[in-house]
Protein backbone atom coordinates (compact mmCIF):
# COMPACT_ATOMS: atom_id res chain seq x y z
CA MET A 1 -4.31 -51.56 -23.91
CA PHE A 2 -3.72 -55.30 -24.68
CA LYS A 3 -6.49 -56.91 -26.09
CA GLN A 4 -5.41 -60.76 -26.23
CA ILE A 5 -3.34 -62.20 -23.72
CA VAL A 6 -1.50 -65.36 -23.43
CA VAL A 7 -0.86 -66.52 -19.97
CA ALA A 8 1.07 -69.62 -19.30
CA ALA A 9 0.06 -71.76 -16.25
CA ASP A 10 0.34 -75.02 -15.06
CA GLY A 11 -0.80 -74.24 -11.38
CA SER A 12 2.37 -73.67 -9.76
CA TRP A 13 3.13 -70.60 -7.93
CA HIS A 14 4.82 -69.14 -10.36
CA SER A 15 1.71 -69.30 -13.12
CA MET A 16 -0.50 -67.95 -10.51
CA LYS A 17 1.97 -64.50 -10.18
CA ALA A 18 1.53 -64.62 -13.62
CA ILE A 19 -1.33 -65.02 -13.64
CA GLU A 20 -1.97 -63.02 -10.68
CA LYS A 21 -0.39 -59.78 -13.15
CA THR A 22 -2.28 -60.91 -15.97
CA ILE A 23 -5.94 -60.37 -14.48
CA GLU A 24 -4.34 -57.09 -13.29
CA LEU A 25 -3.81 -56.36 -16.87
CA ALA A 26 -6.97 -57.11 -18.04
CA THR A 27 -9.27 -56.14 -15.02
CA GLY A 28 -11.93 -53.29 -16.32
CA ARG A 29 -10.20 -53.27 -20.05
CA ASP A 30 -11.71 -55.37 -23.04
CA THR A 31 -8.70 -58.01 -22.97
CA LYS A 32 -9.57 -61.75 -24.27
CA VAL A 33 -7.40 -63.81 -21.96
CA PHE A 34 -6.48 -67.06 -22.74
CA VAL A 35 -5.16 -69.24 -20.31
CA VAL A 36 -2.44 -71.77 -21.61
CA TYR A 37 -1.44 -75.35 -19.74
CA ALA A 38 1.33 -76.89 -22.33
CA VAL A 39 1.37 -81.48 -21.83
CA ASP A 40 4.20 -82.37 -22.77
CA SER A 41 6.04 -85.65 -22.73
CA SER A 42 7.42 -85.54 -18.94
CA THR A 43 4.00 -84.42 -17.84
CA SER A 44 2.19 -87.48 -19.13
CA LYS A 45 4.78 -89.89 -17.58
CA ALA A 46 4.04 -88.13 -14.30
CA ASP A 47 0.42 -88.09 -15.21
CA VAL A 48 0.49 -91.43 -15.87
CA LEU A 49 2.25 -92.37 -12.66
CA HIS A 50 -0.26 -90.74 -10.36
CA ASN A 51 -3.26 -91.74 -12.67
CA TRP A 52 -3.69 -94.55 -13.80
CA ASP A 53 -6.89 -93.64 -16.11
CA THR A 54 -7.37 -91.33 -19.12
CA LEU A 55 -10.48 -89.55 -17.15
CA GLY A 56 -8.54 -89.50 -13.89
CA ILE A 57 -5.66 -87.37 -15.80
CA SER A 58 -8.38 -85.33 -17.61
CA GLU A 59 -9.78 -84.30 -14.02
CA LYS A 60 -6.09 -83.66 -11.95
CA ARG A 61 -4.93 -80.90 -15.46
CA LYS A 62 -8.64 -79.32 -14.96
CA GLU A 63 -7.99 -79.26 -11.11
CA ARG A 64 -4.81 -77.80 -11.29
CA LEU A 65 -5.92 -74.90 -12.99
CA THR A 66 -9.24 -74.42 -10.76
CA ALA A 67 -8.59 -71.54 -9.24
CA ILE A 68 -7.58 -69.32 -11.92
CA CYS A 69 -11.04 -69.49 -13.06
CA GLU A 70 -12.47 -69.17 -9.45
CA ILE A 71 -10.70 -65.38 -10.31
CA ALA A 72 -11.36 -65.09 -13.84
CA LYS A 73 -14.36 -65.24 -13.13
CA LYS A 74 -14.76 -63.35 -9.49
CA GLU A 75 -12.79 -60.28 -11.41
CA LYS A 76 -15.38 -60.35 -14.27
CA ILE A 77 -12.24 -61.34 -17.17
CA ASN A 78 -13.35 -62.52 -20.34
CA TYR A 79 -10.58 -65.99 -20.56
CA GLU A 80 -10.65 -69.51 -22.33
CA ILE A 81 -8.72 -72.18 -20.94
CA LYS A 82 -6.37 -73.80 -23.59
CA ILE A 83 -5.05 -77.18 -22.47
CA LEU A 84 -2.70 -78.22 -25.85
CA ARG A 85 0.10 -81.37 -26.06
CA GLY A 86 3.57 -80.71 -26.98
CA GLU A 87 6.89 -79.01 -25.94
CA PRO A 88 5.65 -75.75 -23.95
CA VAL A 89 7.64 -73.55 -26.09
CA GLN A 90 6.29 -74.11 -29.09
CA VAL A 91 2.71 -74.54 -27.87
CA ILE A 92 3.01 -71.05 -25.88
CA ILE A 93 4.60 -69.43 -29.35
CA GLY A 94 2.75 -70.87 -31.22
CA PHE A 95 -0.73 -70.38 -30.16
CA ALA A 96 -0.06 -66.98 -28.80
CA ARG A 97 0.58 -66.10 -32.66
CA THR A 98 -2.57 -67.95 -33.59
CA THR A 99 -4.77 -65.71 -31.78
CA ASN A 100 -2.51 -62.33 -32.80
CA ALA A 101 -1.80 -61.97 -29.13
CA ASP A 102 -0.69 -58.54 -27.63
CA LEU A 103 1.36 -60.51 -24.81
CA ILE A 104 2.17 -63.10 -23.46
CA VAL A 105 2.34 -63.79 -19.41
CA ILE A 106 5.07 -66.09 -18.20
CA GLY A 107 6.30 -67.56 -14.64
CA CYS A 108 9.75 -67.86 -14.05
CA ARG A 109 11.25 -70.71 -11.93
CA GLY A 110 14.27 -68.94 -10.90
CA LEU A 111 16.85 -71.20 -11.89
CA ASN A 112 20.30 -70.23 -10.98
CA PRO A 113 22.22 -69.39 -13.77
CA LEU A 114 24.52 -72.60 -14.15
CA GLN A 115 20.89 -74.33 -14.25
CA GLN A 116 19.68 -71.52 -17.12
CA MET A 117 22.93 -72.30 -18.68
CA VAL A 118 22.56 -76.20 -19.05
CA LEU A 119 18.98 -76.75 -19.20
CA GLY A 120 18.03 -73.19 -20.43
CA SER A 121 14.34 -72.66 -19.06
CA VAL A 122 11.33 -72.33 -21.03
CA SER A 123 10.33 -68.90 -20.11
CA HIS A 124 14.11 -67.51 -21.03
CA LYS A 125 13.42 -69.25 -24.78
CA VAL A 126 10.04 -67.86 -24.83
CA MET A 127 11.18 -64.61 -24.73
CA LYS A 128 13.84 -65.45 -27.44
CA LYS A 129 11.07 -66.53 -29.96
CA ALA A 130 8.31 -64.59 -29.00
CA SER A 131 7.06 -62.19 -31.89
CA CYS A 132 5.06 -60.48 -29.15
CA PRO A 133 6.15 -58.50 -25.82
CA VAL A 134 7.19 -61.65 -22.80
CA LEU A 135 6.28 -60.72 -19.44
CA ILE A 136 8.36 -62.92 -16.80
CA MET A 137 7.15 -62.55 -13.72
CA LYS A 138 9.40 -63.78 -10.84
């Protein structure tokens, strides 16, 4: 059904729900899964405050994605991890376009209506701007 799926991941609970659904969609099929972790300025600042060296920051980011790799290997999924810099919405949409993705899967933090109105959500913005179908996991 889907030949190329881009799934947004950061190791959070919501992104793991997106990963689980992506694995379900890709299992037993000839599907390539791109796991995209977008690192924006706020993520970088938080990482620097918790780790003082570049190697430590890189290792922490990889650790967040370890569980994803284990699940994908177990299910024999053809996957690739991409850690990309930039604003998450633009990174996810741009990467999906570049790879001709058939689907984007993304988790939803479950903001309340006021938070969504004021802040907007990454998943909502991706859904509005993407040129392919978007599956938002709650």
